[in-house]
Amino acid sequence: MKRSPASRPLPTYAEEVLEHLQSKIEPTADGLPQDKVETNLDIEGFEDSTIDVALEELLNRGYIYIVNDHIRLTDSDS
């Protein structure tokens, strides 16, 4: 999936979640289970509401996608 150029930058909280995901998930990997991602973000100190909103923002903007409850990163080179 190719990301379209963003007309506005990601909110800071979404950038922080994306950076964390990039350190845990390789773009070509099968991803991580969504519940494991959410638990890991919670352990890292993100609030539940921030996790939900950030993941939704990243999903809607094409930075991540979900297959069989696994969060995957969109290849930024595409």
PDB file of N, CA and C in Angstrom:
ATOM      1  N   MET A   1       0.842  -1.175   0.000  1.00  0.00           N
ATOM      2  CA  MET A   1       0.000   0.000   0.000  1.00  0.00           C
ATOM      3  C   MET A   1       0.887   1.237   0.000  1.00  0.00           C
ATOM      4  N   LYS A   2       0.637   2.131  -0.893  1.00  0.00           N
ATOM      5  CA  LYS A   2       1.430   3.352  -0.989  1.00  0.00           C
ATOM      6  C   LYS A   2       0.745   4.458  -0.207  1.00  0.00           C
ATOM      7  N   ARG A   3       1.552   5.147   0.612  1.00  0.00           N
ATOM      8  CA  ARG A   3       1.007   6.276   1.361  1.00  0.00           C
ATOM      9  C   ARG A   3       0.944   7.482   0.446  1.00  0.00           C
ATOM     10  N   SER A   4      -0.149   8.195   0.531  1.00  0.00           N
ATOM     11  CA  SER A   4      -0.233   9.442  -0.211  1.00  0.00           C
ATOM     12  C   SER A   4       0.452  10.532   0.591  1.00  0.00           C
ATOM     13  N   PRO A   5       0.949  11.544  -0.085  1.00  0.00           N
ATOM     14  CA  PRO A   5       1.610  12.622   0.653  1.00  0.00           C
ATOM     15  C   PRO A   5       0.648  13.227   1.676  1.00  0.00           C
ATOM     16  N   ALA A   6       1.132  13.387   2.869  1.00  0.00           N
ATOM     17  CA  ALA A   6       0.281  13.912   3.934  1.00  0.00           C
ATOM     18  C   ALA A   6       0.092  15.411   3.744  1.00  0.00           C
ATOM     19  N   SER A   7      -1.151  15.847   3.828  1.00  0.00           N
ATOM     20  CA  SER A   7      -1.418  17.268   3.723  1.00  0.00           C
ATOM     21  C   SER A   7      -1.118  17.963   5.046  1.00  0.00           C
ATOM     22  N   ARG A   8      -1.028  17.178   6.093  1.00  0.00           N
ATOM     23  CA  ARG A   8      -0.688  17.715   7.407  1.00  0.00           C
ATOM     24  C   ARG A   8       0.184  16.691   8.117  1.00  0.00           C
ATOM     25  N   PRO A   9       1.081  17.162   8.951  1.00  0.00           N
ATOM     26  CA  PRO A   9       1.983  16.229   9.638  1.00  0.00           C
ATOM     27  C   PRO A   9       1.234  15.376  10.664  1.00  0.00           C
ATOM     28  N   LEU A  10       1.837  14.241  10.980  1.00  0.00           N
ATOM     29  CA  LEU A  10       1.276  13.388  12.031  1.00  0.00           C
ATOM     30  C   LEU A  10       1.343  14.117  13.368  1.00  0.00           C
ATOM     31  N   PRO A  11       0.336  13.907  14.218  1.00  0.00           N
ATOM     32  CA  PRO A  11       0.433  14.452  15.578  1.00  0.00           C
ATOM     33  C   PRO A  11       1.628  13.812  16.294  1.00  0.00           C
ATOM     34  N   THR A  12       2.187  14.507  17.244  1.00  0.00           N
ATOM     35  CA  THR A  12       3.367  14.049  17.965  1.00  0.00           C
ATOM     36  C   THR A  12       3.155  12.670  18.576  1.00  0.00           C
ATOM     37  N   TYR A  13       1.999  12.447  19.196  1.00  0.00           N
ATOM     38  CA  TYR A  13       1.736  11.151  19.832  1.00  0.00           C
ATOM     39  C   TYR A  13       1.749  10.023  18.806  1.00  0.00           C
ATOM     40  N   ALA A  14       1.241  10.278  17.606  1.00  0.00           N
ATOM     41  CA  ALA A  14       1.225   9.247  16.567  1.00  0.00           C
ATOM     42  C   ALA A  14       2.646   8.990  16.053  1.00  0.00           C
ATOM     43  N   GLU A  15       3.450  10.053  15.930  1.00  0.00           N
ATOM     44  CA  GLU A  15       4.845   9.890  15.529  1.00  0.00           C
ATOM     45  C   GLU A  15       5.600   9.038  16.546  1.00  0.00           C
ATOM     46  N   GLU A  16       5.353   9.283  17.831  1.00  0.00           N
ATOM     47  CA  GLU A  16       6.031   8.519  18.882  1.00  0.00           C
ATOM     48  C   GLU A  16       5.633   7.050  18.833  1.00  0.00           C
ATOM     49  N   VAL A  17       4.356   6.776  18.618  1.00  0.00           N
ATOM     50  CA  VAL A  17       3.900   5.386  18.503  1.00  0.00           C
ATOM     51  C   VAL A  17       4.514   4.747  17.260  1.00  0.00           C
ATOM     52  N   LEU A  18       4.539   5.461  16.142  1.00  0.00           N
ATOM     53  CA  LEU A  18       5.135   4.931  14.909  1.00  0.00           C
ATOM     54  C   LEU A  18       6.613   4.609  15.107  1.00  0.00           C
ATOM     55  N   GLU A  19       7.351   5.505  15.752  1.00  0.00           N
ATOM     56  CA  GLU A  19       8.768   5.257  16.017  1.00  0.00           C
ATOM     57  C   GLU A  19       8.945   3.990  16.850  1.00  0.00           C
ATOM     58  N   HIS A  20       8.093   3.822  17.838  1.00  0.00           N
ATOM     59  CA  HIS A  20       8.168   2.624  18.673  1.00  0.00           C
ATOM     60  C   HIS A  20       7.876   1.375  17.829  1.00  0.00           C
ATOM     61  N   LEU A  21       6.851   1.442  16.985  1.00  0.00           N
ATOM     62  CA  LEU A  21       6.509   0.298  16.137  1.00  0.00           C
ATOM     63  C   LEU A  21       7.646  -0.026  15.174  1.00  0.00           C
ATOM     64  N   GLN A  22       8.278   1.006  14.634  1.00  0.00           N
ATOM     65  CA  GLN A  22       9.382   0.780  13.693  1.00  0.00           C
ATOM     66  C   GLN A  22      10.558   0.086  14.363  1.00  0.00           C
ATOM     67  N   SER A  23      10.709   0.275  15.666  1.00  0.00           N
ATOM     68  CA  SER A  23      11.796  -0.407  16.373  1.00  0.00           C
ATOM     69  C   SER A  23      11.442  -1.863  16.684  1.00  0.00           C
ATOM     70  N   LYS A  24      10.181  -2.218  16.572  1.00  0.00           N
ATOM     71  CA  LYS A  24       9.724  -3.566  16.914  1.00  0.00           C
ATOM     72  C   LYS A  24       9.326  -4.410  15.713  1.00  0.00           C
ATOM     73  N   ILE A  25       8.928  -3.764  14.611  1.00  0.00           N
ATOM     74  CA  ILE A  25       8.384  -4.487  13.460  1.00  0.00           C
ATOM     75  C   ILE A  25       9.168  -4.128  12.212  1.00  0.00           C
ATOM     76  N   GLU A  26       9.629  -5.130  11.483  1.00  0.00           N
ATOM     77  CA  GLU A  26      10.277  -4.902  10.198  1.00  0.00           C
ATOM     78  C   GLU A  26       9.178  -4.729   9.141  1.00  0.00           C
ATOM     79  N   PRO A  27       9.365  -3.813   8.175  1.00  0.00           N
ATOM     80  CA  PRO A  27       8.339  -3.582   7.155  1.00  0.00           C
ATOM     81  C   PRO A  27       7.956  -4.830   6.359  1.00  0.00           C
ATOM     82  N   THR A  28       8.892  -5.750   6.178  1.00  0.00           N
ATOM     83  CA  THR A  28       8.593  -6.953   5.395  1.00  0.00           C
ATOM     84  C   THR A  28       8.134  -8.123   6.258  1.00  0.00           C
ATOM     85  N   ALA A  29       8.084  -7.932   7.563  1.00  0.00           N
ATOM     86  CA  ALA A  29       7.712  -9.015   8.478  1.00  0.00           C
ATOM     87  C   ALA A  29       6.201  -9.216   8.500  1.00  0.00           C
ATOM     88  N   ASP A  30       5.793 -10.295   9.168  1.00  0.00           N
ATOM     89  CA  ASP A  30       4.375 -10.603   9.304  1.00  0.00           C
ATOM     90  C   ASP A  30       3.694  -9.734  10.348  1.00  0.00           C
ATOM     91  N   GLY A  31       4.434  -8.842  10.950  1.00  0.00           N
ATOM     92  CA  GLY A  31       3.856  -7.951  11.949  1.00  0.00           C
ATOM     93  C   GLY A  31       3.795  -8.596  13.317  1.00  0.00           C
ATOM     94  N   LEU A  32       3.115  -7.900  14.200  1.00  0.00           N
ATOM     95  CA  LEU A  32       2.914  -8.378  15.570  1.00  0.00           C
ATOM     96  C   LEU A  32       1.434  -8.385  15.881  1.00  0.00           C
ATOM     97  N   PRO A  33       0.991  -9.323  16.720  1.00  0.00           N
ATOM     98  CA  PRO A  33      -0.415  -9.340  17.096  1.00  0.00           C
ATOM     99  C   PRO A  33      -0.826  -7.989  17.702  1.00  0.00           C
ATOM    100  N   GLN A  34      -2.001  -7.516  17.343  1.00  0.00           N
ATOM    101  CA  GLN A  34      -2.452  -6.214  17.796  1.00  0.00           C
ATOM    102  C   GLN A  34      -2.488  -6.119  19.316  1.00  0.00           C
ATOM    103  N   ASP A  35      -2.928  -7.178  19.987  1.00  0.00           N
ATOM    104  CA  ASP A  35      -2.982  -7.120  21.449  1.00  0.00           C
ATOM    105  C   ASP A  35      -1.578  -7.030  22.056  1.00  0.00           C
ATOM    106  N   LYS A  36      -0.599  -7.676  21.427  1.00  0.00           N
ATOM    107  CA  LYS A  36       0.783  -7.595  21.916  1.00  0.00           C
ATOM    108  C   LYS A  36       1.330  -6.181  21.722  1.00  0.00           C
ATOM    109  N   VAL A  37       1.031  -5.571  20.570  1.00  0.00           N
ATOM    110  CA  VAL A  37       1.458  -4.193  20.308  1.00  0.00           C
ATOM    111  C   VAL A  37       0.865  -3.259  21.354  1.00  0.00           C
ATOM    112  N   GLU A  38      -0.439  -3.398  21.599  1.00  0.00           N
ATOM    113  CA  GLU A  38      -1.110  -2.526  22.564  1.00  0.00           C
ATOM    114  C   GLU A  38      -0.538  -2.720  23.972  1.00  0.00           C
ATOM    115  N   THR A  39      -0.282  -3.960  24.359  1.00  0.00           N
ATOM    116  CA  THR A  39       0.303  -4.241  25.675  1.00  0.00           C
ATOM    117  C   THR A  39       1.693  -3.631  25.780  1.00  0.00           C
ATOM    118  N   ASN A  40       2.488  -3.785  24.732  1.00  0.00           N
ATOM    119  CA  ASN A  40       3.843  -3.245  24.733  1.00  0.00           C
ATOM    120  C   ASN A  40       3.831  -1.723  24.822  1.00  0.00           C
ATOM    121  N   LEU A  41       2.937  -1.069  24.088  1.00  0.00           N
ATOM    122  CA  LEU A  41       2.829   0.384  24.156  1.00  0.00           C
ATOM    123  C   LEU A  41       2.388   0.838  25.541  1.00  0.00           C
ATOM    124  N   ASP A  42       1.499   0.067  26.153  1.00  0.00           N
ATOM    125  CA  ASP A  42       1.052   0.367  27.520  1.00  0.00           C
ATOM    126  C   ASP A  42       2.229   0.275  28.488  1.00  0.00           C
ATOM    127  N   ILE A  43       3.032  -0.768  28.355  1.00  0.00           N
ATOM    128  CA  ILE A  43       4.209  -0.949  29.203  1.00  0.00           C
ATOM    129  C   ILE A  43       5.187   0.207  29.006  1.00  0.00           C
ATOM    130  N   GLU A  44       5.282   0.716  27.787  1.00  0.00           N
ATOM    131  CA  GLU A  44       6.188   1.828  27.484  1.00  0.00           C
ATOM    132  C   GLU A  44       5.671   3.162  28.018  1.00  0.00           C
ATOM    133  N   GLY A  45       4.468   3.167  28.579  1.00  0.00           N
ATOM    134  CA  GLY A  45       3.954   4.371  29.213  1.00  0.00           C
ATOM    135  C   GLY A  45       2.911   5.146  28.434  1.00  0.00           C
ATOM    136  N   PHE A  46       2.507   4.634  27.279  1.00  0.00           N
ATOM    137  CA  PHE A  46       1.443   5.288  26.523  1.00  0.00           C
ATOM    138  C   PHE A  46       0.104   5.005  27.192  1.00  0.00           C
ATOM    139  N   GLU A  47      -0.756   6.008  27.251  1.00  0.00           N
ATOM    140  CA  GLU A  47      -2.088   5.821  27.818  1.00  0.00           C
ATOM    141  C   GLU A  47      -2.960   5.070  26.822  1.00  0.00           C
ATOM    142  N   ASP A  48      -3.935   4.303  27.351  1.00  0.00           N
ATOM    143  CA  ASP A  48      -4.814   3.506  26.491  1.00  0.00           C
ATOM    144  C   ASP A  48      -5.491   4.352  25.414  1.00  0.00           C
ATOM    145  N   SER A  49      -5.987   5.519  25.801  1.00  0.00           N
ATOM    146  CA  SER A  49      -6.682   6.370  24.825  1.00  0.00           C
ATOM    147  C   SER A  49      -5.713   6.858  23.743  1.00  0.00           C
ATOM    148  N   THR A  50      -4.486   7.146  24.113  1.00  0.00           N
ATOM    149  CA  THR A  50      -3.480   7.581  23.143  1.00  0.00           C
ATOM    150  C   THR A  50      -3.144   6.442  22.185  1.00  0.00           C
ATOM    151  N   ILE A  51      -3.021   5.241  22.711  1.00  0.00           N
ATOM    152  CA  ILE A  51      -2.728   4.068  21.874  1.00  0.00           C
ATOM    153  C   ILE A  51      -3.812   3.893  20.826  1.00  0.00           C
ATOM    154  N   ASP A  52      -5.053   3.910  21.264  1.00  0.00           N
ATOM    155  CA  ASP A  52      -6.178   3.702  20.340  1.00  0.00           C
ATOM    156  C   ASP A  52      -6.225   4.765  19.252  1.00  0.00           C
ATOM    157  N   VAL A  53      -6.106   6.027  19.654  1.00  0.00           N
ATOM    158  CA  VAL A  53      -6.184   7.128  18.693  1.00  0.00           C
ATOM    159  C   VAL A  53      -4.979   7.117  17.751  1.00  0.00           C
ATOM    160  N   ALA A  54      -3.798   6.862  18.285  1.00  0.00           N
ATOM    161  CA  ALA A  54      -2.588   6.848  17.458  1.00  0.00           C
ATOM    162  C   ALA A  54      -2.632   5.720  16.434  1.00  0.00           C
ATOM    163  N   LEU A  55      -3.031   4.525  16.861  1.00  0.00           N
ATOM    164  CA  LEU A  55      -3.115   3.403  15.919  1.00  0.00           C
ATOM    165  C   LEU A  55      -4.153   3.677  14.836  1.00  0.00           C
ATOM    166  N   GLU A  56      -5.271   4.272  15.207  1.00  0.00           N
ATOM    167  CA  GLU A  56      -6.307   4.623  14.228  1.00  0.00           C
ATOM    168  C   GLU A  56      -5.770   5.658  13.233  1.00  0.00           C
ATOM    169  N   GLU A  57      -5.057   6.654  13.738  1.00  0.00           N
ATOM    170  CA  GLU A  57      -4.460   7.690  12.885  1.00  0.00           C
ATOM    171  C   GLU A  57      -3.452   7.063  11.917  1.00  0.00           C
ATOM    172  N   LEU A  58      -2.594   6.202  12.420  1.00  0.00           N
ATOM    173  CA  LEU A  58      -1.593   5.553  11.574  1.00  0.00           C
ATOM    174  C   LEU A  58      -2.241   4.646  10.534  1.00  0.00           C
ATOM    175  N   LEU A  59      -3.288   3.962  10.930  1.00  0.00           N
ATOM    176  CA  LEU A  59      -4.019   3.096  10.008  1.00  0.00           C
ATOM    177  C   LEU A  59      -4.699   3.926   8.916  1.00  0.00           C
ATOM    178  N   ASN A  60      -5.379   4.977   9.312  1.00  0.00           N
ATOM    179  CA  ASN A  60      -6.091   5.819   8.347  1.00  0.00           C
ATOM    180  C   ASN A  60      -5.162   6.541   7.389  1.00  0.00           C
ATOM    181  N   ARG A  61      -3.956   6.819   7.828  1.00  0.00           N
ATOM    182  CA  ARG A  61      -2.997   7.538   6.985  1.00  0.00           C
ATOM    183  C   ARG A  61      -2.100   6.594   6.187  1.00  0.00           C
ATOM    184  N   GLY A  62      -2.250   5.287   6.394  1.00  0.00           N
ATOM    185  CA  GLY A  62      -1.504   4.317   5.605  1.00  0.00           C
ATOM    186  C   GLY A  62      -0.117   3.981   6.108  1.00  0.00           C
ATOM    187  N   TYR A  63       0.198   4.339   7.337  1.00  0.00           N
ATOM    188  CA  TYR A  63       1.506   3.992   7.898  1.00  0.00           C
ATOM    189  C   TYR A  63       1.547   2.547   8.388  1.00  0.00           C
ATOM    190  N   ILE A  64       0.400   2.043   8.803  1.00  0.00           N
ATOM    191  CA  ILE A  64       0.278   0.646   9.229  1.00  0.00           C
ATOM    192  C   ILE A  64      -0.934   0.032   8.549  1.00  0.00           C
ATOM    193  N   TYR A  65      -0.985  -1.282   8.558  1.00  0.00           N
ATOM    194  CA  TYR A  65      -2.181  -1.993   8.132  1.00  0.00           C
ATOM    195  C   TYR A  65      -2.312  -3.238   8.989  1.00  0.00           C
ATOM    196  N   ILE A  66      -3.492  -3.809   8.984  1.00  0.00           N
ATOM    197  CA  ILE A  66      -3.775  -4.955   9.854  1.00  0.00           C
ATOM    198  C   ILE A  66      -4.237  -6.129   9.006  1.00  0.00           C
ATOM    199  N   VAL A  67      -3.589  -7.274   9.219  1.00  0.00           N
ATOM    200  CA  VAL A  67      -3.958  -8.516   8.556  1.00  0.00           C
ATOM    201  C   VAL A  67      -4.074  -9.587   9.630  1.00  0.00           C
ATOM    202  N   ASN A  68      -5.229 -10.201   9.718  1.00  0.00           N
ATOM    203  CA  ASN A  68      -5.464 -11.261  10.703  1.00  0.00           C
ATOM    204  C   ASN A  68      -5.036 -10.834  12.113  1.00  0.00           C
ATOM    205  N   ASP A  69      -5.428  -9.633  12.504  1.00  0.00           N
ATOM    206  CA  ASP A  69      -5.126  -9.081  13.832  1.00  0.00           C
ATOM    207  C   ASP A  69      -3.638  -8.866  14.087  1.00  0.00           C
ATOM    208  N   HIS A  70      -2.843  -8.806  13.029  1.00  0.00           N
ATOM    209  CA  HIS A  70      -1.421  -8.491  13.149  1.00  0.00           C
ATOM    210  C   HIS A  70      -1.181  -7.112  12.542  1.00  0.00           C
ATOM    211  N   ILE A  71      -0.522  -6.262  13.304  1.00  0.00           N
ATOM    212  CA  ILE A  71      -0.190  -4.928  12.795  1.00  0.00           C
ATOM    213  C   ILE A  71       1.102  -5.033  12.008  1.00  0.00           C
ATOM    214  N   ARG A  72       1.048  -4.503  10.799  1.00  0.00           N
ATOM    215  CA  ARG A  72       2.210  -4.495   9.911  1.00  0.00           C
ATOM    216  C   ARG A  72       2.520  -3.062   9.523  1.00  0.00           C
ATOM    217  N   LEU A  73       3.772  -2.792   9.224  1.00  0.00           N
ATOM    218  CA  LEU A  73       4.181  -1.476   8.762  1.00  0.00           C
ATOM    219  C   LEU A  73       4.103  -1.433   7.244  1.00  0.00           C
ATOM    220  N   THR A  74       3.641  -0.329   6.730  1.00  0.00           N
ATOM    221  CA  THR A  74       3.648  -0.123   5.290  1.00  0.00           C
ATOM    222  C   THR A  74       5.078   0.175   4.870  1.00  0.00           C
ATOM    223  N   ASP A  75       5.517  -0.428   3.803  1.00  0.00           N
ATOM    224  CA  ASP A  75       6.866  -0.199   3.296  1.00  0.00           C
ATOM    225  C   ASP A  75       6.955   1.234   2.802  1.00  0.00           C
ATOM    226  N   SER A  76       7.817   2.021   3.400  1.00  0.00           N
ATOM    227  CA  SER A  76       7.919   3.447   3.063  1.00  0.00           C
ATOM    228  C   SER A  76       8.546   3.678   1.697  1.00  0.00           C
ATOM    229  N   ASP A  77       9.147   2.649   1.110  1.00  0.00           N
ATOM    230  CA  ASP A  77       9.764   2.787  -0.207  1.00  0.00           C
ATOM    231  C   ASP A  77       8.762   2.589  -1.333  1.00  0.00           C
ATOM    232  N   SER A  78       7.563   2.168  -0.985  1.00  0.00           N
ATOM    233  CA  SER A  78       6.560   1.896  -2.021  1.00  0.00           C
ATOM    234  C   SER A  78       5.934   3.166  -2.521  1.00  0.00           C
TER     235      SER A  78
END
